[in-house]
Structures are given as structure tokens and as C-alpha cells.
C-alpha atoms as a PDB file:
ATOM      1  CA  UNK A   1    -108.279   9.717 -35.278  1.00  0.00           C
ATOM      2  CA  UNK A   2    -106.155  11.955 -37.456  1.00  0.00           C
ATOM      3  CA  UNK A   3    -103.220   9.599 -37.038  1.00  0.00           C
ATOM      4  CA  UNK A   4    -105.484   6.570 -38.008  1.00  0.00           C
ATOM      5  CA  UNK A   5    -106.705   8.460 -41.061  1.00  0.00           C
ATOM      6  CA  UNK A   6    -103.194   9.293 -42.138  1.00  0.00           C
ATOM      7  CA  UNK A   7    -102.077   5.666 -41.649  1.00  0.00           C
ATOM      8  CA  UNK A   8    -104.955   4.446 -43.827  1.00  0.00           C
ATOM      9  CA  UNK A   9    -104.295   7.007 -46.504  1.00  0.00           C
ATOM     10  CA  UNK A  10    -100.691   5.810 -46.777  1.00  0.00           C
ATOM     11  CA  UNK A  11    -101.562   2.148 -47.125  1.00  0.00           C
ATOM     12  CA  UNK A  12    -101.964   1.029 -50.664  1.00  0.00           C
ATOM     13  CA  UNK A  13    -104.890  -1.187 -51.570  1.00  0.00           C
ATOM     14  CA  UNK A  14    -103.687  -4.801 -51.516  1.00  0.00           C
ATOM     15  CA  UNK A  15    -103.860  -7.201 -54.410  1.00  0.00           C
ATOM     16  CA  UNK A  16    -105.958 -10.267 -53.928  1.00  0.00           C
ATOM     17  CA  UNK A  17    -103.855 -12.998 -52.191  1.00  0.00           C
ATOM     18  CA  UNK A  18    -101.082 -10.696 -50.988  1.00  0.00           C
ATOM     19  CA  UNK A  19    -102.062 -10.688 -47.284  1.00  0.00           C
ATOM     20  CA  UNK A  20     -99.871 -12.663 -44.863  1.00  0.00           C
ATOM     21  CA  UNK A  21     -99.734 -12.976 -40.999  1.00  0.00           C
ATOM     22  CA  UNK A  22     -96.891 -10.492 -40.650  1.00  0.00           C
ATOM     23  CA  UNK A  23     -98.813  -7.849 -42.490  1.00  0.00           C
ATOM     24  CA  UNK A  24    -101.893  -8.513 -40.277  1.00  0.00           C
ATOM     25  CA  UNK A  25     -99.703  -8.154 -37.107  1.00  0.00           C
ATOM     26  CA  UNK A  26     -98.187  -4.910 -38.412  1.00  0.00           C
ATOM     27  CA  UNK A  27    -101.630  -3.534 -38.955  1.00  0.00           C
ATOM     28  CA  UNK A  28    -102.813  -4.753 -35.554  1.00  0.00           C
ATOM     29  CA  UNK A  29    -100.053  -2.902 -33.745  1.00  0.00           C
ATOM     30  CA  UNK A  30    -100.654   0.237 -35.745  1.00  0.00           C
ATOM     31  CA  UNK A  31    -104.381   0.062 -35.036  1.00  0.00           C
ATOM     32  CA  UNK A  32    -103.952  -0.723 -31.317  1.00  0.00           C
ATOM     33  CA  UNK A  33    -101.838   2.440 -30.919  1.00  0.00           C
ATOM     34  CA  UNK A  34    -104.760   4.482 -32.180  1.00  0.00           C
ATOM     35  CA  UNK A  35    -107.803   2.730 -30.614  1.00  0.00           C
ATOM     36  CA  UNK A  36    -106.186   0.741 -27.759  1.00  0.00           C
ATOM     37  CA  UNK A  37    -105.912  -2.979 -27.448  1.00  0.00           C
ATOM     38  CA  UNK A  38    -109.285  -3.324 -25.722  1.00  0.00           C
ATOM     39  CA  UNK A  39    -111.175  -1.588 -28.714  1.00  0.00           C
ATOM     40  CA  UNK A  40    -109.325  -3.475 -31.386  1.00  0.00           C
ATOM     41  CA  UNK A  41    -111.659  -5.633 -33.387  1.00  0.00           C
ATOM     42  CA  UNK A  42    -111.298  -7.916 -36.387  1.00  0.00           C
ATOM     43  CA  UNK A  43    -113.743  -5.897 -38.656  1.00  0.00           C
ATOM     44  CA  UNK A  44    -111.940  -2.722 -37.693  1.00  0.00           C
ATOM     45  CA  UNK A  45    -108.559  -4.374 -38.555  1.00  0.00           C
ATOM     46  CA  UNK A  46    -109.932  -5.476 -41.868  1.00  0.00           C
ATOM     47  CA  UNK A  47    -110.981  -1.949 -42.733  1.00  0.00           C
ATOM     48  CA  UNK A  48    -107.588  -0.579 -41.519  1.00  0.00           C
ATOM     49  CA  UNK A  49    -105.834  -3.059 -43.808  1.00  0.00           C
ATOM     50  CA  UNK A  50    -108.327  -2.570 -46.656  1.00  0.00           C
ATOM     51  CA  UNK A  51    -109.143  -6.272 -46.820  1.00  0.00           C
ATOM     52  CA  UNK A  52    -112.198  -8.324 -46.098  1.00  0.00           C
ATOM     53  CA  UNK A  53    -112.406  -9.575 -42.546  1.00  0.00           C
ATOM     54  CA  UNK A  54    -112.646 -13.172 -43.831  1.00  0.00           C
ATOM     55  CA  UNK A  55    -109.043 -12.788 -45.088  1.00  0.00           C
ATOM     56  CA  UNK A  56    -107.891 -12.133 -41.469  1.00  0.00           C
ATOM     57  CA  UNK A  57    -109.967 -15.089 -40.178  1.00  0.00           C
ATOM     58  CA  UNK A  58    -108.055 -17.265 -42.614  1.00  0.00           C
ATOM     59  CA  UNK A  59    -104.962 -16.778 -40.412  1.00  0.00           C
ATOM     60  CA  UNK A  60    -106.484 -15.884 -37.011  1.00  0.00           C
ATOM     61  CA  UNK A  61    -109.749 -17.648 -36.236  1.00  0.00           C
ATOM     62  CA  UNK A  62    -110.563 -15.264 -33.330  1.00  0.00           C
ATOM     63  CA  UNK A  63    -109.257 -12.178 -31.613  1.00  0.00           C
ATOM     64  CA  UNK A  64    -107.547 -14.222 -28.863  1.00  0.00           C
ATOM     65  CA  UNK A  65    -105.416 -16.020 -31.571  1.00  0.00           C
ATOM     66  CA  UNK A  66    -104.444 -12.558 -32.925  1.00  0.00           C
ATOM     67  CA  UNK A  67    -103.600 -11.269 -29.487  1.00  0.00           C
ATOM     68  CA  UNK A  68    -101.442 -14.268 -28.752  1.00  0.00           C
ATOM     69  CA  UNK A  69     -99.406 -13.665 -31.849  1.00  0.00           C
ATOM     70  CA  UNK A  70     -99.135  -9.994 -30.964  1.00  0.00           C
ATOM     71  CA  UNK A  71     -97.877 -11.028 -27.492  1.00  0.00           C
ATOM     72  CA  UNK A  72     -95.142 -13.210 -28.936  1.00  0.00           C
ATOM     73  CA  UNK A  73     -93.998 -10.341 -31.144  1.00  0.00           C
ATOM     74  CA  UNK A  74     -94.176  -7.975 -28.190  1.00  0.00           C
ATOM     75  CA  UNK A  75     -91.921 -10.270 -26.047  1.00  0.00           C
ATOM     76  CA  UNK A  76     -89.347 -10.292 -28.895  1.00  0.00           C
ATOM     77  CA  UNK A  77     -89.515  -6.523 -29.025  1.00  0.00           C
ATOM     78  CA  UNK A  78     -89.113  -6.281 -25.227  1.00  0.00           C
ATOM     79  CA  UNK A  79     -86.096  -8.640 -25.235  1.00  0.00           C
ATOM     80  CA  UNK A  80     -84.423  -6.442 -27.892  1.00  0.00           C
ATOM     81  CA  UNK A  81     -85.199  -3.120 -26.172  1.00  0.00           C
ATOM     82  CA  UNK A  82     -84.501  -4.295 -22.551  1.00  0.00           C
ATOM     83  CA  UNK A  83     -81.749  -7.075 -22.620  1.00  0.00           C
ATOM     84  CA  UNK A  84     -80.238  -8.240 -19.432  1.00  0.00           C
ATOM     85  CA  UNK A  85     -76.721  -6.776 -19.273  1.00  0.00           C
ATOM     86  CA  UNK A  86     -74.418  -8.005 -16.598  1.00  0.00           C
ATOM     87  CA  UNK A  87     -72.069  -5.364 -15.226  1.00  0.00           C
ATOM     88  CA  UNK A  88     -69.053  -5.764 -12.973  1.00  0.00           C
ATOM     89  CA  UNK A  89     -71.078  -4.763  -9.900  1.00  0.00           C
ATOM     90  CA  UNK A  90     -74.158  -6.913  -9.223  1.00  0.00           C
ATOM     91  CA  UNK A  91     -76.122  -3.990  -7.686  1.00  0.00           C
ATOM     92  CA  UNK A  92     -75.553  -1.899 -10.844  1.00  0.00           C
ATOM     93  CA  UNK A  93     -76.702  -4.827 -12.910  1.00  0.00           C
ATOM     94  CA  UNK A  94     -79.991  -5.332 -11.015  1.00  0.00           C
ATOM     95  CA  UNK A  95     -80.576  -1.555 -10.732  1.00  0.00           C
ATOM     96  CA  UNK A  96     -80.154  -0.999 -14.491  1.00  0.00           C
ATOM     97  CA  UNK A  97     -82.331  -4.111 -15.236  1.00  0.00           C
ATOM     98  CA  UNK A  98     -85.224  -2.871 -13.070  1.00  0.00           C
ATOM     99  CA  UNK A  99     -85.068   0.697 -14.374  1.00  0.00           C
ATOM    100  CA  UNK A 100     -84.831  -0.486 -18.059  1.00  0.00           C
ATOM    101  CA  UNK A 101     -87.793  -2.805 -17.545  1.00  0.00           C
ATOM    102  CA  UNK A 102     -89.904   0.019 -16.110  1.00  0.00           C
ATOM    103  CA  UNK A 103     -88.898   2.554 -18.768  1.00  0.00           C
ATOM    104  CA  UNK A 104     -89.558   0.155 -21.575  1.00  0.00           C
ATOM    105  CA  UNK A 105     -93.098  -0.839 -20.509  1.00  0.00           C
ATOM    106  CA  UNK A 106     -94.060   2.745 -19.510  1.00  0.00           C
ATOM    107  CA  UNK A 107     -92.774   4.036 -22.840  1.00  0.00           C
ATOM    108  CA  UNK A 108     -94.805   1.440 -24.844  1.00  0.00           C
ATOM    109  CA  UNK A 109     -98.312   0.934 -23.479  1.00  0.00           C
ATOM    110  CA  UNK A 110     -99.097  -1.835 -25.947  1.00  0.00           C
ATOM    111  CA  UNK A 111     -96.226  -3.913 -24.665  1.00  0.00           C
ATOM    112  CA  UNK A 112     -97.438  -3.375 -21.134  1.00  0.00           C
ATOM    113  CA  UNK A 113    -100.995  -4.317 -22.048  1.00  0.00           C
ATOM    114  CA  UNK A 114     -99.967  -7.432 -23.867  1.00  0.00           C
ATOM    115  CA  UNK A 115     -97.249  -8.829 -21.634  1.00  0.00           C
ATOM    116  CA  UNK A 116     -98.058  -7.548 -18.103  1.00  0.00           C
ATOM    117  CA  UNK A 117    -101.816  -6.988 -18.058  1.00  0.00           C
ATOM    118  CA  UNK A 118    -103.062  -9.587 -20.458  1.00  0.00           C
ATOM    119  CA  UNK A 119    -100.119 -12.004 -19.604  1.00  0.00           C
ATOM    120  CA  UNK A 120    -101.153 -14.861 -21.909  1.00  0.00           C
ATOM    121  CA  UNK A 121     -97.926 -16.427 -23.029  1.00  0.00           C
ATOM    122  CA  UNK A 122     -97.373 -19.088 -25.607  1.00  0.00           C
ATOM    123  CA  UNK A 123     -95.186 -22.057 -24.659  1.00  0.00           C
ATOM    124  CA  UNK A 124     -92.275 -20.575 -26.542  1.00  0.00           C
ATOM    125  CA  UNK A 125     -92.695 -17.146 -24.848  1.00  0.00           C
ATOM    126  CA  UNK A 126     -92.987 -18.767 -21.476  1.00  0.00           C
ATOM    127  CA  UNK A 127     -89.807 -20.734 -22.119  1.00  0.00           C
ATOM    128  CA  UNK A 128     -87.912 -17.486 -23.079  1.00  0.00           C
ATOM    129  CA  UNK A 129     -89.197 -15.900 -19.881  1.00  0.00           C
ATOM    130  CA  UNK A 130     -87.949 -18.781 -17.805  1.00  0.00           C
ATOM    131  CA  UNK A 131     -84.526 -18.687 -19.535  1.00  0.00           C
ATOM    132  CA  UNK A 132     -84.242 -14.908 -18.713  1.00  0.00           C
ATOM    133  CA  UNK A 133     -85.084 -15.559 -15.054  1.00  0.00           C
ATOM    134  CA  UNK A 134     -82.559 -18.362 -14.923  1.00  0.00           C
ATOM    135  CA  UNK A 135     -79.885 -15.956 -16.173  1.00  0.00           C
ATOM    136  CA  UNK A 136     -80.706 -13.323 -13.491  1.00  0.00           C
ATOM    137  CA  UNK A 137     -80.758 -15.974 -10.744  1.00  0.00           C
ATOM    138  CA  UNK A 138     -77.314 -17.199 -11.794  1.00  0.00           C
ATOM    139  CA  UNK A 139     -75.952 -13.672 -11.751  1.00  0.00           C
ATOM    140  CA  UNK A 140     -77.186 -13.141  -8.184  1.00  0.00           C
ATOM    141  CA  UNK A 141     -75.703 -16.452  -7.095  1.00  0.00           C
ATOM    142  CA  UNK A 142     -72.373 -15.380  -8.551  1.00  0.00           C
ATOM    143  CA  UNK A 143     -72.657 -12.231  -6.406  1.00  0.00           C
ATOM    144  CA  UNK A 144     -72.809 -14.468  -3.312  1.00  0.00           C
ATOM    145  CA  UNK A 145     -76.439 -15.178  -2.695  1.00  0.00           C
ATOM    146  CA  UNK A 146     -77.709 -18.692  -2.004  1.00  0.00           C
ATOM    147  CA  UNK A 147     -80.352 -20.152  -4.412  1.00  0.00           C
ATOM    148  CA  UNK A 148     -83.138 -19.367  -2.066  1.00  0.00           C
ATOM    149  CA  UNK A 149     -82.098 -15.760  -1.441  1.00  0.00           C
ATOM    150  CA  UNK A 150     -81.424 -15.248  -5.176  1.00  0.00           C
ATOM    151  CA  UNK A 151     -84.885 -16.424  -6.094  1.00  0.00           C
ATOM    152  CA  UNK A 152     -86.471 -14.304  -3.338  1.00  0.00           C
ATOM    153  CA  UNK A 153     -84.469 -11.306  -4.275  1.00  0.00           C
ATOM    154  CA  UNK A 154     -85.426 -11.316  -7.929  1.00  0.00           C
ATOM    155  CA  UNK A 155     -89.023 -12.163  -7.238  1.00  0.00           C
ATOM    156  CA  UNK A 156     -89.116  -9.057  -5.014  1.00  0.00           C
ATOM    157  CA  UNK A 157     -87.542  -6.917  -7.752  1.00  0.00           C
ATOM    158  CA  UNK A 158     -89.965  -8.277 -10.400  1.00  0.00           C
ATOM    159  CA  UNK A 159     -93.062  -7.764  -8.240  1.00  0.00           C
ATOM    160  CA  UNK A 160     -91.999  -4.229  -7.154  1.00  0.00           C
ATOM    161  CA  UNK A 161     -91.090  -3.153 -10.712  1.00  0.00           C
ATOM    162  CA  UNK A 162     -94.058  -4.684 -12.515  1.00  0.00           C
ATOM    163  CA  UNK A 163     -96.495  -3.619  -9.804  1.00  0.00           C
ATOM    164  CA  UNK A 164     -95.405   0.009 -10.220  1.00  0.00           C
ATOM    165  CA  UNK A 165     -95.728  -0.259 -13.992  1.00  0.00           C
ATOM    166  CA  UNK A 166     -99.234  -1.771 -13.954  1.00  0.00           C
ATOM    167  CA  UNK A 167    -100.542   0.753 -11.402  1.00  0.00           C
ATOM    168  CA  UNK A 168     -99.345   3.591 -13.573  1.00  0.00           C
ATOM    169  CA  UNK A 169    -100.684   1.950 -16.667  1.00  0.00           C
ATOM    170  CA  UNK A 170    -104.193   1.457 -15.093  1.00  0.00           C
ATOM    171  CA  UNK A 171    -104.141   5.095 -14.096  1.00  0.00           C
ATOM    172  CA  UNK A 172    -103.329   6.232 -17.602  1.00  0.00           C
ATOM    173  CA  UNK A 173    -105.987   3.908 -19.183  1.00  0.00           C
ATOM    174  CA  UNK A 174    -108.638   5.441 -16.947  1.00  0.00           C
ATOM    175  CA  UNK A 175    -107.566   8.911 -18.114  1.00  0.00           C
ATOM    176  CA  UNK A 176    -107.638   7.842 -21.699  1.00  0.00           C
ATOM    177  CA  UNK A 177    -111.109   6.442 -21.422  1.00  0.00           C
ATOM    178  CA  UNK A 178    -112.422   9.724 -19.821  1.00  0.00           C
ATOM    179  CA  UNK A 179    -112.764   8.367 -16.349  1.00  0.00           C
ATOM    180  CA  UNK A 180    -111.881  11.263 -14.015  1.00  0.00           C
ATOM    181  CA  UNK A 181    -111.978   9.438 -10.689  1.00  0.00           C
ATOM    182  CA  UNK A 182    -108.140   9.276 -10.635  1.00  0.00           C
ATOM    183  CA  UNK A 183    -106.016   7.091  -8.425  1.00  0.00           C
ATOM    184  CA  UNK A 184    -106.829   6.298  -4.861  1.00  0.00           C
ATOM    185  CA  UNK A 185    -103.687   7.991  -3.546  1.00  0.00           C
ATOM    186  CA  UNK A 186    -104.906  11.293  -5.187  1.00  0.00           C
ATOM    187  CA  UNK A 187    -108.120  11.288  -3.183  1.00  0.00           C
ATOM    188  CA  UNK A 188    -106.707  10.743   0.381  1.00  0.00           C
ATOM    189  CA  UNK A 189    -108.085  13.429   2.674  1.00  0.00           C
ATOM    190  CA  UNK A 190    -104.912  14.987   4.022  1.00  0.00           C
ATOM    191  CA  UNK A 191    -104.904  18.169   6.149  1.00  0.00           C
ATOM    192  CA  UNK A 192    -102.646  19.491   8.944  1.00  0.00           C
ATOM    193  CA  UNK A 193    -105.554  19.159  11.401  1.00  0.00           C
ATOM    194  CA  UNK A 194    -106.390  15.488  10.869  1.00  0.00           C
ATOM    195  CA  UNK A 195    -103.204  14.061   9.335  1.00  0.00           C
ATOM    196  CA  UNK A 196    -100.328  16.406  10.212  1.00  0.00           C
ATOM    197  CA  UNK A 197     -97.553  13.901   9.320  1.00  0.00           C
ATOM    198  CA  UNK A 198     -98.856  13.129   5.902  1.00  0.00           C
ATOM    199  CA  UNK A 199     -99.588  16.863   5.271  1.00  0.00           C
ATOM    200  CA  UNK A 200     -95.895  17.625   6.218  1.00  0.00           C
ATOM    201  CA  UNK A 201     -94.640  14.777   3.987  1.00  0.00           C
ATOM    202  CA  UNK A 202     -96.662  16.126   1.062  1.00  0.00           C
ATOM    203  CA  UNK A 203     -95.061  19.548   1.380  1.00  0.00           C
ATOM    204  CA  UNK A 204     -91.731  17.673   0.997  1.00  0.00           C
ATOM    205  CA  UNK A 205     -92.779  16.080  -2.288  1.00  0.00           C
ATOM    206  CA  UNK A 206     -93.843  12.648  -0.933  1.00  0.00           C
ATOM    207  CA  UNK A 207     -96.874  10.868  -2.257  1.00  0.00           C
ATOM    208  CA  UNK A 208     -97.787   7.837  -0.234  1.00  0.00           C
ATOM    209  CA  UNK A 209     -98.648   4.823  -2.413  1.00  0.00           C
ATOM    210  CA  UNK A 210     -98.085   6.511  -5.706  1.00  0.00           C
ATOM    211  CA  UNK A 211     -96.110   4.612  -8.380  1.00  0.00           C
ATOM    212  CA  UNK A 212     -93.824   7.626  -9.039  1.00  0.00           C
ATOM    213  CA  UNK A 213     -90.075   7.615  -9.587  1.00  0.00           C
ATOM    214  CA  UNK A 214     -89.264   8.415  -5.937  1.00  0.00           C
ATOM    215  CA  UNK A 215     -91.231   5.573  -4.456  1.00  0.00           C
ATOM    216  CA  UNK A 216     -89.872   3.146  -7.101  1.00  0.00           C
ATOM    217  CA  UNK A 217     -86.380   4.007  -6.397  1.00  0.00           C
ATOM    218  CA  UNK A 218     -86.782   3.788  -2.607  1.00  0.00           C
ATOM    219  CA  UNK A 219     -88.350   0.332  -2.866  1.00  0.00           C
ATOM    220  CA  UNK A 220     -85.690  -0.891  -5.309  1.00  0.00           C
ATOM    221  CA  UNK A 221     -82.815   0.281  -3.020  1.00  0.00           C
ATOM    222  CA  UNK A 222     -84.504  -1.377  -0.056  1.00  0.00           C
ATOM    223  CA  UNK A 223     -84.436  -4.737  -1.833  1.00  0.00           C
ATOM    224  CA  UNK A 224     -80.837  -4.324  -2.935  1.00  0.00           C
ATOM    225  CA  UNK A 225     -79.744  -3.289   0.584  1.00  0.00           C
ATOM    226  CA  UNK A 226     -81.394  -6.464   2.027  1.00  0.00           C
ATOM    227  CA  UNK A 227     -79.602  -8.574  -0.529  1.00  0.00           C
ATOM    228  CA  UNK A 228     -76.270  -6.843   0.183  1.00  0.00           C
ATOM    229  CA  UNK A 229     -76.712  -7.714   3.937  1.00  0.00           C
ATOM    230  CA  UNK A 230     -77.338 -11.324   3.045  1.00  0.00           C
ATOM    231  CA  UNK A 231     -74.143 -11.457   1.002  1.00  0.00           C
ATOM    232  CA  UNK A 232     -72.122  -9.892   3.726  1.00  0.00           C
ATOM    233  CA  UNK A 233     -73.499 -12.350   6.345  1.00  0.00           C
ATOM    234  CA  UNK A 234     -72.480 -15.277   4.214  1.00  0.00           C
ATOM    235  CA  UNK A 235     -74.426 -18.556   3.507  1.00  0.00           C
ATOM    236  CA  UNK A 236     -76.034 -20.259   6.508  1.00  0.00           C
ATOM    237  CA  UNK A 237     -74.378 -23.336   8.026  1.00  0.00           C
ATOM    238  CA  UNK A 238     -77.279 -25.541   6.830  1.00  0.00           C
ATOM    239  CA  UNK A 239     -79.650 -24.832   3.891  1.00  0.00           C
ATOM    240  CA  UNK A 240     -83.222 -23.821   4.756  1.00  0.00           C
ATOM    241  CA  UNK A 241     -85.551 -26.815   4.852  1.00  0.00           C
ATOM    242  CA  UNK A 242     -89.246 -27.078   5.329  1.00  0.00           C
ATOM    243  CA  UNK A 243     -90.417 -28.731   8.550  1.00  0.00           C
ATOM    244  CA  UNK A 244     -91.213 -32.403   7.921  1.00  0.00           C
ATOM    245  CA  UNK A 245     -94.876 -33.251   8.486  1.00  0.00           C
ATOM    246  CA  UNK A 246     -95.858 -35.473  11.405  1.00  0.00           C
ATOM    247  CA  UNK A 247     -96.163 -39.190  10.581  1.00  0.00           C
ATOM    248  CA  UNK A 248     -99.720 -40.465  10.329  1.00  0.00           C
ATOM    249  CA  UNK A 249    -101.280 -43.780  11.085  1.00  0.00           C
ATOM    250  CA  UNK A 250    -103.475 -45.700   8.615  1.00  0.00           C
ATOM    251  CA  UNK A 251    -106.476 -43.982  10.124  1.00  0.00           C
ATOM    252  CA  UNK A 252    -105.054 -40.612   9.216  1.00  0.00           C
ATOM    253  CA  UNK A 253    -104.301 -39.286  12.655  1.00  0.00           C
ATOM    254  CA  UNK A 254    -100.897 -38.336  13.940  1.00  0.00           C
ATOM    255  CA  UNK A 255     -99.094 -41.205  15.717  1.00  0.00           C
ATOM    256  CA  UNK A 256     -99.214 -40.876  19.512  1.00  0.00           C
ATOM    257  CA  UNK A 257     -97.594 -42.831  22.377  1.00  0.00           C
ATOM    258  CA  UNK A 258     -99.815 -45.302  24.090  1.00  0.00           C
ATOM    259  CA  UNK A 259    -101.270 -43.665  27.250  1.00  0.00           C
ATOM    260  CA  UNK A 260     -99.929 -44.924  30.591  1.00  0.00           C
ATOM    261  CA  UNK A 261    -102.285 -45.848  33.508  1.00  0.00           C
ATOM    262  CA  UNK A 262    -102.648 -42.974  35.874  1.00  0.00           C
ATOM    263  CA  UNK A 263    -101.278 -43.436  39.442  1.00  0.00           C
ATOM    264  CA  UNK A 264    -104.699 -42.632  40.912  1.00  0.00           C
ATOM    265  CA  UNK A 265    -106.457 -45.318  38.906  1.00  0.00           C
ATOM    266  CA  UNK A 266    -103.828 -47.945  39.914  1.00  0.00           C
ATOM    267  CA  UNK A 267    -104.247 -47.025  43.594  1.00  0.00           C
ATOM    268  CA  UNK A 268    -108.034 -47.494  43.283  1.00  0.00           C
ATOM    269  CA  UNK A 269    -107.441 -50.913  41.760  1.00  0.00           C
ATOM    270  CA  UNK A 270    -105.204 -52.052  44.585  1.00  0.00           C
ATOM    271  CA  UNK A 271    -107.592 -50.818  47.253  1.00  0.00           C
ATOM    272  CA  UNK A 272    -110.537 -52.654  45.648  1.00  0.00           C
ATOM    273  CA  UNK A 273    -108.545 -55.921  45.682  1.00  0.00           C
ATOM    274  CA  UNK A 274    -107.677 -55.525  49.416  1.00  0.00           C
ATOM    275  CA  UNK A 275    -111.339 -54.872  50.157  1.00  0.00           C
ATOM    276  CA  UNK A 276    -112.418 -58.114  48.431  1.00  0.00           C
ATOM    277  CA  UNK A 277    -109.699 -60.066  50.315  1.00  0.00           C
ATOM    278  CA  UNK A 278    -110.747 -58.689  53.639  1.00  0.00           C
ATOM    279  CA  UNK A 279    -114.435 -59.645  53.068  1.00  0.00           C
ATOM    280  CA  UNK A 280    -113.546 -63.308  52.360  1.00  0.00           C
ATOM    281  CA  UNK A 281    -112.528 -64.250  56.077  1.00  0.00           C
ATOM    282  CA  UNK A 282    -115.512 -62.434  57.479  1.00  0.00           C
ATOM    283  CA  UNK A 283    -117.815 -64.439  55.308  1.00  0.00           C
ATOM    284  CA  UNK A 284    -116.175 -67.707  56.429  1.00  0.00           C
ATOM    285  CA  UNK A 285    -116.528 -66.815  60.147  1.00  0.00           C
ATOM    286  CA  UNK A 286    -120.287 -66.251  59.631  1.00  0.00           C
ATOM    287  CA  UNK A 287    -120.678 -69.786  58.165  1.00  0.00           C
ATOM    288  CA  UNK A 288    -118.798 -71.439  61.102  1.00  0.00           C
ATOM    289  CA  UNK A 289    -120.970 -69.590  63.614  1.00  0.00           C
ATOM    290  CA  UNK A 290    -124.137 -70.683  61.859  1.00  0.00           C
ATOM    291  CA  UNK A 291    -123.086 -74.326  61.947  1.00  0.00           C
ATOM    292  CA  UNK A 292    -122.355 -74.188  65.754  1.00  0.00           C
ATOM    293  CA  UNK A 293    -125.758 -72.674  66.441  1.00  0.00           C
ATOM    294  CA  UNK A 294    -127.492 -75.314  64.396  1.00  0.00           C
ATOM    295  CA  UNK A 295    -125.676 -78.280  66.339  1.00  0.00           C
ATOM    296  CA  UNK A 296    -127.563 -77.989  69.765  1.00  0.00           C
ATOM    297  CA  UNK A 297    -130.889 -77.774  67.968  1.00  0.00           C
ATOM    298  CA  UNK A 298    -130.301 -81.145  66.273  1.00  0.00           C
ATOM    299  CA  UNK A 299    -129.336 -82.770  69.744  1.00  0.00           C
ATOM    300  CA  UNK A 300    -132.575 -81.617  71.395  1.00  0.00           C
ATOM    301  CA  UNK A 301    -134.638 -82.911  68.511  1.00  0.00           C
ATOM    302  CA  UNK A 302    -132.947 -86.361  68.793  1.00  0.00           C
ATOM    303  CA  UNK A 303    -133.688 -86.519  72.605  1.00  0.00           C
ATOM    304  CA  UNK A 304    -137.398 -85.839  72.090  1.00  0.00           C
ATOM    305  CA  UNK A 305    -137.574 -88.569  69.414  1.00  0.00           C
ATOM    306  CA  UNK A 306    -136.232 -91.153  72.049  1.00  0.00           C
END
């Protein structure tokens, strides 16, 4: 609070009509450092700038608009403080890039809150971010990685670095807000009786899951070693491709070969035909026998009539 009061005392009362967007952003960053980005409000900013809140709304209709403008400025500041510098050794380049990124965000919580945690980028800011990523990918490909491996390697470095930054920032924010629950890795129940391996590791300075320097460096070196092995192995004979999906018929089901008639079914059909053929002569013989039996009966009837 003392810092906020000193800042307010130093600020001269503004003349009517002298306020501009850059002055508002300057005041917003000053106030956010004192009260945090979450607690920053438009009325509070008006009081900090010694202007009516309606003067701020003339340039920024709501807090989100103000935060978007602050994010754009934060990205410009980050690009100036953590530029991508390509060294003669690609591993040195990537190692310095990751370490500088981490140090910059941890050293400026407002940048971290705006860029990594809030992560709402304007089209221009998103384009600048894509151009930086393109530059790093090109650098990794010059070192010998394929496009696929270069993208995967830089994605792993970004996720590892930003993840450790955000975890540390969330832990710090909880402490700033008076929440004493701490981080999950601080509350693991570790003892020589129940978890002897973790207990021994702790005595050696290891903290499992903590976003500290040792864990960050180990993860970064693991990613770089993996990329180095890929470069030494050389590019594959054929580029990686996704498996082609099975062709589908108009009904939507996968095309299948027409089923063939099973041998057993064919044998049954042949046997049935033979049975029918065998029955036909037997029926004919019965008809002939019936005619022969009827012939003597007609002769006897004729004799009686005479």
C-alpha cells in the first residue's frame, strides 16, 4: 500500500482532456503491480490516475479491453527482454532461449499473468508469436532435424518451460493471497518407513514434481539429448505419414470382399440334388406297377359283361 500511496502522491493532477490510452496503460501496469491483475478495477484505476472513470471508458469500454491492450504491450516488452538469439551451437541457442524465457516471466509476474495465464492474444500478437515459432523451427531444421522433429522438439521445450513457470506463479499467487495450503509436492507424506526411496532422495536435495531449477534443467537437458540423437541418426528414408483411412461405401461401412460360398453348404446342395434325382425313377416304377395291377381287373369285368 505504501508503494501505491507514493505513486499517487508523485502523480500530478491531470488537466481536463489530457488523458490518452498510453497514460491509461502506464497507470494500469503501475496499479497491477500493487494490487495484482485480478484485483485491478476501472474505478480503482480512475482514482489512481486522478481522473473520472468515464474518462477511461472513453478509450476502454470494459476491463477486458484494457487487459487486451495490456497484453499487447506485455508481448512487446517480452520480445525486447527475451529475444531469440541464435548461437553457433544449436543446443546453446535452445538452452539460452528456454532459460531466458523462464527468467523473464518469473521476474515479472504481470507479464506471466497476461501472456501465459490469461493468454488472450490480439490478431497482431498472435501473428508475432507465430513468427517467433517459425524462426525457432527454422533454426532447429538448420541443425539437422526434420520438420516433424523440429516442431515436436520446440513444442516440448515450450510446454516444459511454460509449465514450470505457471506452476511456480500459481504457487506464488496463493502465498500472496494468504492461502497457506502450499503446493501439492510440499504435502507429500514422505518417511523412511513408508517411502524410503523418496526420503533418501529428499536428503539429497531432490523435490519430486517441484518447478525448481534442478527439475527444470533436468527436463530441458532430456529434451535436448533426445533431439541430438535424432540429428545423429539422420532423417528417415521416408517421411512420416498418417495411415490412410479405409475406403467406405455409400452406406458408410468399410468396403469388404463378397463372401464366398462355404464348402459345406455347396456339398449339401449337391447331395440334395442327387436325392431328388434318385426319387424320380422310384416314382415311375410305382406308376407302372399300378397299371399292371389294374389290367387283369378290367379283363374280368369284361368277361362278366359277356
